[in-house]
Amino acid sequence: MNTNSLLDIMHASPVIPVIAIENINHAVPLARALVAGGIRVLEVTLRTEHGLPAIGLIAEQVPEAIIGVGTLTQGEEFAAAREAGAVFGVSPGLTPSLISAAKASGLPLLPGVMTPSEVMAAREAGFRQLKLFPAVPAGGIGMLNAIAGPLPDVVFCPTGGVSQETAAQFLACKNVACVGGSWLTPKDALQAGDWARITALASAAAGLRSAS
């Protein structure tokens, strides 16, 4: 698997916005607004019917964006996501079928883990870049610092409960490369087409830097 490229992707943006597209017409202007603010790595989830079409439109019309597909839960979704234009995948967990699909598709996968045992199982399967999910219920910063001792070769993207106010604290953890969050794409801003507000949120997020 292309874990080196996945690590590069994680380091390319301190915050990866988790995006659920409710209106397909929002996909391209939203991506452009985020990129304009300095956030190039985008996770478009499959939580809505517009996920794959949105990935295709962004990949075609916003070449500066680095598009990932989120909420991968079934093996057959990998090939479709890659065909749509995704260059990495994100899942809420990790199963044998997801491991097989990731290897077969060649799509770098950022799998979700919540416990030390899950971290170790993912590492045994060849994954060194992981998503701590849901990050805050899993123990947040305390969990990340505790894991860093016995498992120092694993790097995380904490997602789930991370906010604009707490992002910098997570990024200060030595085993955190980036964080995932939905605060960059508020629903009211999307509904209003307030792309300037989203660009401002992205600009603030892009200014966050890890202390590691």
C-alpha atoms as a PDB file:
ATOM      1  CA  MET A   1       0.000   0.000   0.000  1.00  0.00           C
ATOM      2  CA  ASN A   2       1.066   3.568  -0.652  1.00  0.00           C
ATOM      3  CA  THR A   3       1.469   4.508   2.996  1.00  0.00           C
ATOM      4  CA  ASN A   4       4.152   7.078   2.226  1.00  0.00           C
ATOM      5  CA  SER A   5       1.785   8.980  -0.039  1.00  0.00           C
ATOM      6  CA  LEU A   6      -0.923   8.752   2.634  1.00  0.00           C
ATOM      7  CA  LEU A   7       1.437  10.258   5.188  1.00  0.00           C
ATOM      8  CA  ASP A   8       2.241  13.039   2.718  1.00  0.00           C
ATOM      9  CA  ILE A   9      -1.493  13.671   2.311  1.00  0.00           C
ATOM     10  CA  MET A  10      -1.967  13.854   6.081  1.00  0.00           C
ATOM     11  CA  HIS A  11       0.868  16.362   6.397  1.00  0.00           C
ATOM     12  CA  ALA A  12      -0.507  18.453   3.528  1.00  0.00           C
ATOM     13  CA  SER A  13      -3.299  19.890   5.676  1.00  0.00           C
ATOM     14  CA  PRO A  14      -3.572  20.324   9.452  1.00  0.00           C
ATOM     15  CA  VAL A  15      -7.336  19.843   9.157  1.00  0.00           C
ATOM     16  CA  ILE A  16      -9.200  17.503   6.811  1.00  0.00           C
ATOM     17  CA  PRO A  17     -12.806  18.654   6.492  1.00  0.00           C
ATOM     18  CA  VAL A  18     -15.355  15.844   6.686  1.00  0.00           C
ATOM     19  CA  ILE A  19     -17.882  16.729   4.000  1.00  0.00           C
ATOM     20  CA  ALA A  20     -21.394  15.358   3.498  1.00  0.00           C
ATOM     21  CA  ILE A  21     -22.839  16.709   0.262  1.00  0.00           C
ATOM     22  CA  GLU A  22     -26.619  17.220   0.516  1.00  0.00           C
ATOM     23  CA  ASN A  23     -26.836  19.282  -2.691  1.00  0.00           C
ATOM     24  CA  ILE A  24     -24.685  18.210  -5.625  1.00  0.00           C
ATOM     25  CA  ASN A  25     -24.537  21.812  -6.846  1.00  0.00           C
ATOM     26  CA  HIS A  26     -22.566  22.712  -3.717  1.00  0.00           C
ATOM     27  CA  ALA A  27     -19.724  20.287  -4.409  1.00  0.00           C
ATOM     28  CA  VAL A  28     -17.529  22.370  -6.694  1.00  0.00           C
ATOM     29  CA  PRO A  29     -18.002  25.830  -5.107  1.00  0.00           C
ATOM     30  CA  LEU A  30     -17.465  24.289  -1.663  1.00  0.00           C
ATOM     31  CA  ALA A  31     -14.231  22.649  -2.771  1.00  0.00           C
ATOM     32  CA  ARG A  32     -13.057  25.881  -4.379  1.00  0.00           C
ATOM     33  CA  ALA A  33     -13.846  27.835  -1.214  1.00  0.00           C
ATOM     34  CA  LEU A  34     -11.858  25.409   0.948  1.00  0.00           C
ATOM     35  CA  VAL A  35      -8.896  25.379  -1.436  1.00  0.00           C
ATOM     36  CA  ALA A  36      -8.952  29.190  -1.584  1.00  0.00           C
ATOM     37  CA  GLY A  37      -8.535  29.185   2.191  1.00  0.00           C
ATOM     38  CA  GLY A  38      -5.530  26.871   2.021  1.00  0.00           C
ATOM     39  CA  ILE A  39      -7.261  23.554   2.784  1.00  0.00           C
ATOM     40  CA  ARG A  40      -6.569  21.193  -0.122  1.00  0.00           C
ATOM     41  CA  VAL A  41      -7.190  17.778   1.436  1.00  0.00           C
ATOM     42  CA  LEU A  42     -10.921  17.033   1.431  1.00  0.00           C
ATOM     43  CA  GLU A  43     -12.815  13.989   2.685  1.00  0.00           C
ATOM     44  CA  VAL A  44     -16.123  13.611   0.856  1.00  0.00           C
ATOM     45  CA  THR A  45     -18.198  11.007   2.648  1.00  0.00           C
ATOM     46  CA  LEU A  46     -20.538   8.386   1.260  1.00  0.00           C
ATOM     47  CA  ARG A  47     -23.166   9.312   3.842  1.00  0.00           C
ATOM     48  CA  THR A  48     -25.356  10.809   1.111  1.00  0.00           C
ATOM     49  CA  GLU A  49     -26.274   9.693  -2.382  1.00  0.00           C
ATOM     50  CA  HIS A  50     -24.192  12.530  -3.815  1.00  0.00           C
ATOM     51  CA  GLY A  51     -20.857  11.312  -2.435  1.00  0.00           C
ATOM     52  CA  LEU A  52     -19.395   9.612  -5.505  1.00  0.00           C
ATOM     53  CA  PRO A  53     -20.796  12.125  -8.038  1.00  0.00           C
ATOM     54  CA  ALA A  54     -19.408  14.969  -5.910  1.00  0.00           C
ATOM     55  CA  ILE A  55     -15.978  13.348  -5.852  1.00  0.00           C
ATOM     56  CA  GLY A  56     -16.086  13.072  -9.628  1.00  0.00           C
ATOM     57  CA  LEU A  57     -17.032  16.720 -10.101  1.00  0.00           C
ATOM     58  CA  ILE A  58     -14.398  18.001  -7.680  1.00  0.00           C
ATOM     59  CA  ALA A  59     -11.691  15.805  -9.185  1.00  0.00           C
ATOM     60  CA  GLU A  60     -12.540  17.146 -12.637  1.00  0.00           C
ATOM     61  CA  GLN A  61     -13.101  20.817 -11.858  1.00  0.00           C
ATOM     62  CA  VAL A  62     -10.903  21.518  -8.814  1.00  0.00           C
ATOM     63  CA  PRO A  63      -7.559  19.912  -9.670  1.00  0.00           C
ATOM     64  CA  GLU A  64      -5.808  21.628  -6.750  1.00  0.00           C
ATOM     65  CA  ALA A  65      -7.874  19.575  -4.308  1.00  0.00           C
ATOM     66  CA  ILE A  66      -6.663  16.249  -2.909  1.00  0.00           C
ATOM     67  CA  ILE A  67      -9.856  14.225  -2.768  1.00  0.00           C
ATOM     68  CA  GLY A  68     -10.512  11.421  -0.330  1.00  0.00           C
ATOM     69  CA  VAL A  69     -13.594   9.276   0.083  1.00  0.00           C
ATOM     70  CA  GLY A  70     -14.984   8.856   3.564  1.00  0.00           C
ATOM     71  CA  THR A  71     -17.227   6.410   5.356  1.00  0.00           C
ATOM     72  CA  LEU A  72     -15.954   3.414   3.414  1.00  0.00           C
ATOM     73  CA  THR A  73     -17.652   0.453   5.077  1.00  0.00           C
ATOM     74  CA  GLN A  74     -17.837  -2.143   2.298  1.00  0.00           C
ATOM     75  CA  GLY A  75     -15.135  -3.584   0.096  1.00  0.00           C
ATOM     76  CA  GLU A  76     -16.952  -2.934  -3.176  1.00  0.00           C
ATOM     77  CA  GLU A  77     -16.910   0.813  -2.526  1.00  0.00           C
ATOM     78  CA  PHE A  78     -13.145   1.091  -3.038  1.00  0.00           C
ATOM     79  CA  ALA A  79     -13.027   0.549  -6.792  1.00  0.00           C
ATOM     80  CA  ALA A  80     -15.955   2.896  -7.394  1.00  0.00           C
ATOM     81  CA  ALA A  81     -14.353   5.609  -5.267  1.00  0.00           C
ATOM     82  CA  ARG A  82     -11.055   5.331  -7.081  1.00  0.00           C
ATOM     83  CA  GLU A  83     -12.799   5.409 -10.448  1.00  0.00           C
ATOM     84  CA  ALA A  84     -14.642   8.562  -9.372  1.00  0.00           C
ATOM     85  CA  GLY A  85     -11.329  10.281  -8.663  1.00  0.00           C
ATOM     86  CA  ALA A  86     -10.573   9.689  -4.988  1.00  0.00           C
ATOM     87  CA  VAL A  87      -6.872   9.327  -4.190  1.00  0.00           C
ATOM     88  CA  PHE A  88      -7.278   8.040  -0.624  1.00  0.00           C
ATOM     89  CA  GLY A  89      -9.965   6.458   1.510  1.00  0.00           C
ATOM     90  CA  VAL A  90     -11.136   6.808   5.092  1.00  0.00           C
ATOM     91  CA  SER A  91     -13.150   4.265   7.057  1.00  0.00           C
ATOM     92  CA  PRO A  92     -14.716   4.361  10.527  1.00  0.00           C
ATOM     93  CA  GLY A  93     -13.208   0.969  11.343  1.00  0.00           C
ATOM     94  CA  LEU A  94     -11.189  -1.892   9.896  1.00  0.00           C
ATOM     95  CA  THR A  95     -12.351  -5.363   8.832  1.00  0.00           C
ATOM     96  CA  PRO A  96     -10.708  -8.190   6.852  1.00  0.00           C
ATOM     97  CA  SER A  97     -12.784  -7.316   3.782  1.00  0.00           C
ATOM     98  CA  LEU A  98     -11.710  -3.669   3.944  1.00  0.00           C
ATOM     99  CA  ILE A  99      -8.070  -4.714   4.240  1.00  0.00           C
ATOM    100  CA  SER A 100      -8.409  -6.927   1.166  1.00  0.00           C
ATOM    101  CA  ALA A 101     -10.227  -4.245  -0.814  1.00  0.00           C
ATOM    102  CA  ALA A 102      -7.652  -1.597   0.054  1.00  0.00           C
ATOM    103  CA  LYS A 103      -4.810  -3.832  -1.107  1.00  0.00           C
ATOM    104  CA  ALA A 104      -6.638  -4.904  -4.262  1.00  0.00           C
ATOM    105  CA  SER A 105      -7.663  -1.384  -5.275  1.00  0.00           C
ATOM    106  CA  GLY A 106      -4.375   0.291  -4.422  1.00  0.00           C
ATOM    107  CA  LEU A 107      -6.346   3.074  -2.737  1.00  0.00           C
ATOM    108  CA  PRO A 108      -4.420   4.214   0.367  1.00  0.00           C
ATOM    109  CA  LEU A 109      -6.684   3.719   3.377  1.00  0.00           C
ATOM    110  CA  LEU A 110      -6.866   5.643   6.642  1.00  0.00           C
ATOM    111  CA  PRO A 111      -8.774   3.196   8.858  1.00  0.00           C
ATOM    112  CA  GLY A 112     -10.575   4.074  12.043  1.00  0.00           C
ATOM    113  CA  VAL A 113      -9.479   2.622  15.401  1.00  0.00           C
ATOM    114  CA  MET A 114     -10.640   3.285  18.945  1.00  0.00           C
ATOM    115  CA  THR A 115      -8.658   1.052  21.308  1.00  0.00           C
ATOM    116  CA  PRO A 116      -5.006   0.009  21.732  1.00  0.00           C
ATOM    117  CA  SER A 117      -5.910  -3.502  20.569  1.00  0.00           C
ATOM    118  CA  GLU A 118      -7.428  -2.103  17.380  1.00  0.00           C
ATOM    119  CA  VAL A 119      -4.328   0.012  16.824  1.00  0.00           C
ATOM    120  CA  MET A 120      -2.140  -3.074  17.177  1.00  0.00           C
ATOM    121  CA  ALA A 121      -4.355  -5.122  14.852  1.00  0.00           C
ATOM    122  CA  ALA A 122      -4.257  -2.385  12.225  1.00  0.00           C
ATOM    123  CA  ARG A 123      -0.484  -2.124  12.555  1.00  0.00           C
ATOM    124  CA  GLU A 124      -0.137  -5.890  12.085  1.00  0.00           C
ATOM    125  CA  ALA A 125      -2.191  -5.527   8.889  1.00  0.00           C
ATOM    126  CA  GLY A 126       0.345  -2.992   7.580  1.00  0.00           C
ATOM    127  CA  PHE A 127      -1.296   0.292   8.527  1.00  0.00           C
ATOM    128  CA  ARG A 128       0.795   2.928  10.275  1.00  0.00           C
ATOM    129  CA  GLN A 129      -1.481   5.908   9.588  1.00  0.00           C
ATOM    130  CA  LEU A 130      -4.777   5.618  11.446  1.00  0.00           C
ATOM    131  CA  LYS A 131      -7.877   7.617  12.278  1.00  0.00           C
ATOM    132  CA  LEU A 132      -8.699   7.735  15.994  1.00  0.00           C
ATOM    133  CA  PHE A 133     -12.491   7.568  15.828  1.00  0.00           C
ATOM    134  CA  PRO A 134     -14.545   8.740  17.521  1.00  0.00           C
ATOM    135  CA  ALA A 135     -11.649  10.669  18.967  1.00  0.00           C
ATOM    136  CA  VAL A 136     -13.199  12.373  21.980  1.00  0.00           C
ATOM    137  CA  PRO A 137     -15.260   9.374  23.193  1.00  0.00           C
ATOM    138  CA  ALA A 138     -12.141   7.223  22.682  1.00  0.00           C
ATOM    139  CA  GLY A 139     -10.218   9.326  25.191  1.00  0.00           C
ATOM    140  CA  GLY A 140      -9.026  12.210  23.048  1.00  0.00           C
ATOM    141  CA  ILE A 141      -5.673  13.764  23.824  1.00  0.00           C
ATOM    142  CA  GLY A 142      -5.167  11.547  26.855  1.00  0.00           C
ATOM    143  CA  MET A 143      -5.562   8.409  24.756  1.00  0.00           C
ATOM    144  CA  LEU A 144      -3.221   9.706  22.049  1.00  0.00           C
ATOM    145  CA  ASN A 145      -0.497  10.535  24.564  1.00  0.00           C
ATOM    146  CA  ALA A 146      -0.905   7.146  26.235  1.00  0.00           C
ATOM    147  CA  ILE A 147      -0.663   5.259  22.933  1.00  0.00           C
ATOM    148  CA  ALA A 148       2.437   7.195  21.874  1.00  0.00           C
ATOM    149  CA  GLY A 149       4.585   5.367  24.419  1.00  0.00           C
ATOM    150  CA  PRO A 150       4.060   1.706  23.496  1.00  0.00           C
ATOM    151  CA  LEU A 151       3.171   2.373  19.835  1.00  0.00           C
ATOM    152  CA  PRO A 152       5.473   5.202  18.744  1.00  0.00           C
ATOM    153  CA  ASP A 153       5.483   4.298  15.037  1.00  0.00           C
ATOM    154  CA  VAL A 154       1.772   5.004  14.501  1.00  0.00           C
ATOM    155  CA  VAL A 155       0.477   8.394  13.336  1.00  0.00           C
ATOM    156  CA  PHE A 156      -3.102   9.547  13.812  1.00  0.00           C
ATOM    157  CA  CYS A 157      -5.801  11.758  12.374  1.00  0.00           C
ATOM    158  CA  PRO A 158      -8.202  12.194  15.313  1.00  0.00           C
ATOM    159  CA  THR A 159     -11.778  12.677  14.110  1.00  0.00           C
ATOM    160  CA  GLY A 160     -15.037  12.852  15.989  1.00  0.00           C
ATOM    161  CA  GLY A 161     -15.625  15.596  18.501  1.00  0.00           C
ATOM    162  CA  VAL A 162     -12.614  17.679  17.464  1.00  0.00           C
ATOM    163  CA  SER A 163     -13.593  21.337  17.226  1.00  0.00           C
ATOM    164  CA  GLN A 164     -12.156  24.634  16.084  1.00  0.00           C
ATOM    165  CA  GLU A 165     -11.386  25.353  19.745  1.00  0.00           C
ATOM    166  CA  THR A 166      -9.592  22.052  20.478  1.00  0.00           C
ATOM    167  CA  ALA A 167      -7.895  21.320  17.140  1.00  0.00           C
ATOM    168  CA  ALA A 168      -4.593  22.977  18.107  1.00  0.00           C
ATOM    169  CA  GLN A 169      -4.388  20.871  21.282  1.00  0.00           C
ATOM    170  CA  PHE A 170      -4.781  17.681  19.276  1.00  0.00           C
ATOM    171  CA  LEU A 171      -2.230  18.842  16.709  1.00  0.00           C
ATOM    172  CA  ALA A 172       0.286  19.420  19.515  1.00  0.00           C
ATOM    173  CA  CYS A 173       0.368  15.654  20.196  1.00  0.00           C
ATOM    174  CA  LYS A 174       3.555  14.170  18.758  1.00  0.00           C
ATOM    175  CA  ASN A 175       1.689  11.291  17.095  1.00  0.00           C
ATOM    176  CA  VAL A 176      -0.906  13.473  15.351  1.00  0.00           C
ATOM    177  CA  ALA A 177      -0.338  14.534  11.736  1.00  0.00           C
ATOM    178  CA  CYS A 178      -3.718  16.188  11.178  1.00  0.00           C
ATOM    179  CA  VAL A 179      -7.259  16.241  12.520  1.00  0.00           C
ATOM    180  CA  GLY A 180     -10.618  15.676  10.870  1.00  0.00           C
ATOM    181  CA  GLY A 181     -13.617  17.881  11.495  1.00  0.00           C
ATOM    182  CA  SER A 182     -16.898  19.158  10.155  1.00  0.00           C
ATOM    183  CA  TRP A 183     -16.723  22.713  11.489  1.00  0.00           C
ATOM    184  CA  LEU A 184     -15.253  24.005   8.221  1.00  0.00           C
ATOM    185  CA  THR A 185     -18.524  23.305   6.402  1.00  0.00           C
ATOM    186  CA  PRO A 186     -21.415  24.588   8.572  1.00  0.00           C
ATOM    187  CA  LYS A 187     -24.810  23.581   7.226  1.00  0.00           C
ATOM    188  CA  ASP A 188     -26.177  27.112   7.356  1.00  0.00           C
ATOM    189  CA  ALA A 189     -23.242  28.409   5.330  1.00  0.00           C
ATOM    190  CA  LEU A 190     -23.759  25.691   2.724  1.00  0.00           C
ATOM    191  CA  GLN A 191     -27.470  26.370   2.471  1.00  0.00           C
ATOM    192  CA  ALA A 192     -26.830  30.089   2.065  1.00  0.00           C
ATOM    193  CA  GLY A 193     -23.987  29.584  -0.410  1.00  0.00           C
ATOM    194  CA  ASP A 194     -21.773  31.638   1.899  1.00  0.00           C
ATOM    195  CA  TRP A 195     -18.506  30.502   0.346  1.00  0.00           C
ATOM    196  CA  ALA A 196     -16.621  33.498   1.753  1.00  0.00           C
ATOM    197  CA  ARG A 197     -17.376  32.298   5.293  1.00  0.00           C
ATOM    198  CA  ILE A 198     -16.143  28.815   4.445  1.00  0.00           C
ATOM    199  CA  THR A 199     -12.959  30.243   2.945  1.00  0.00           C
ATOM    200  CA  ALA A 200     -12.401  32.239   6.153  1.00  0.00           C
ATOM    201  CA  LEU A 201     -12.876  29.103   8.284  1.00  0.00           C
ATOM    202  CA  ALA A 202     -10.480  27.220   6.009  1.00  0.00           C
ATOM    203  CA  SER A 203      -7.897  29.989   6.254  1.00  0.00           C
ATOM    204  CA  ALA A 204      -8.023  29.855  10.060  1.00  0.00           C
ATOM    205  CA  ALA A 205      -7.683  26.071   9.975  1.00  0.00           C
ATOM    206  CA  ALA A 206      -4.781  26.200   7.541  1.00  0.00           C
ATOM    207  CA  GLY A 207      -2.950  28.395  10.018  1.00  0.00           C
ATOM    208  CA  LEU A 208      -2.952  25.649  12.636  1.00  0.00           C
ATOM    209  CA  ARG A 209       0.393  23.915  12.940  1.00  0.00           C
ATOM    210  CA  SER A 210       1.435  20.867  14.869  1.00  0.00           C
ATOM    211  CA  ALA A 211       4.024  21.385  17.574  1.00  0.00           C
ATOM    212  CA  SER A 212       5.681  18.102  16.646  1.00  0.00           C
END
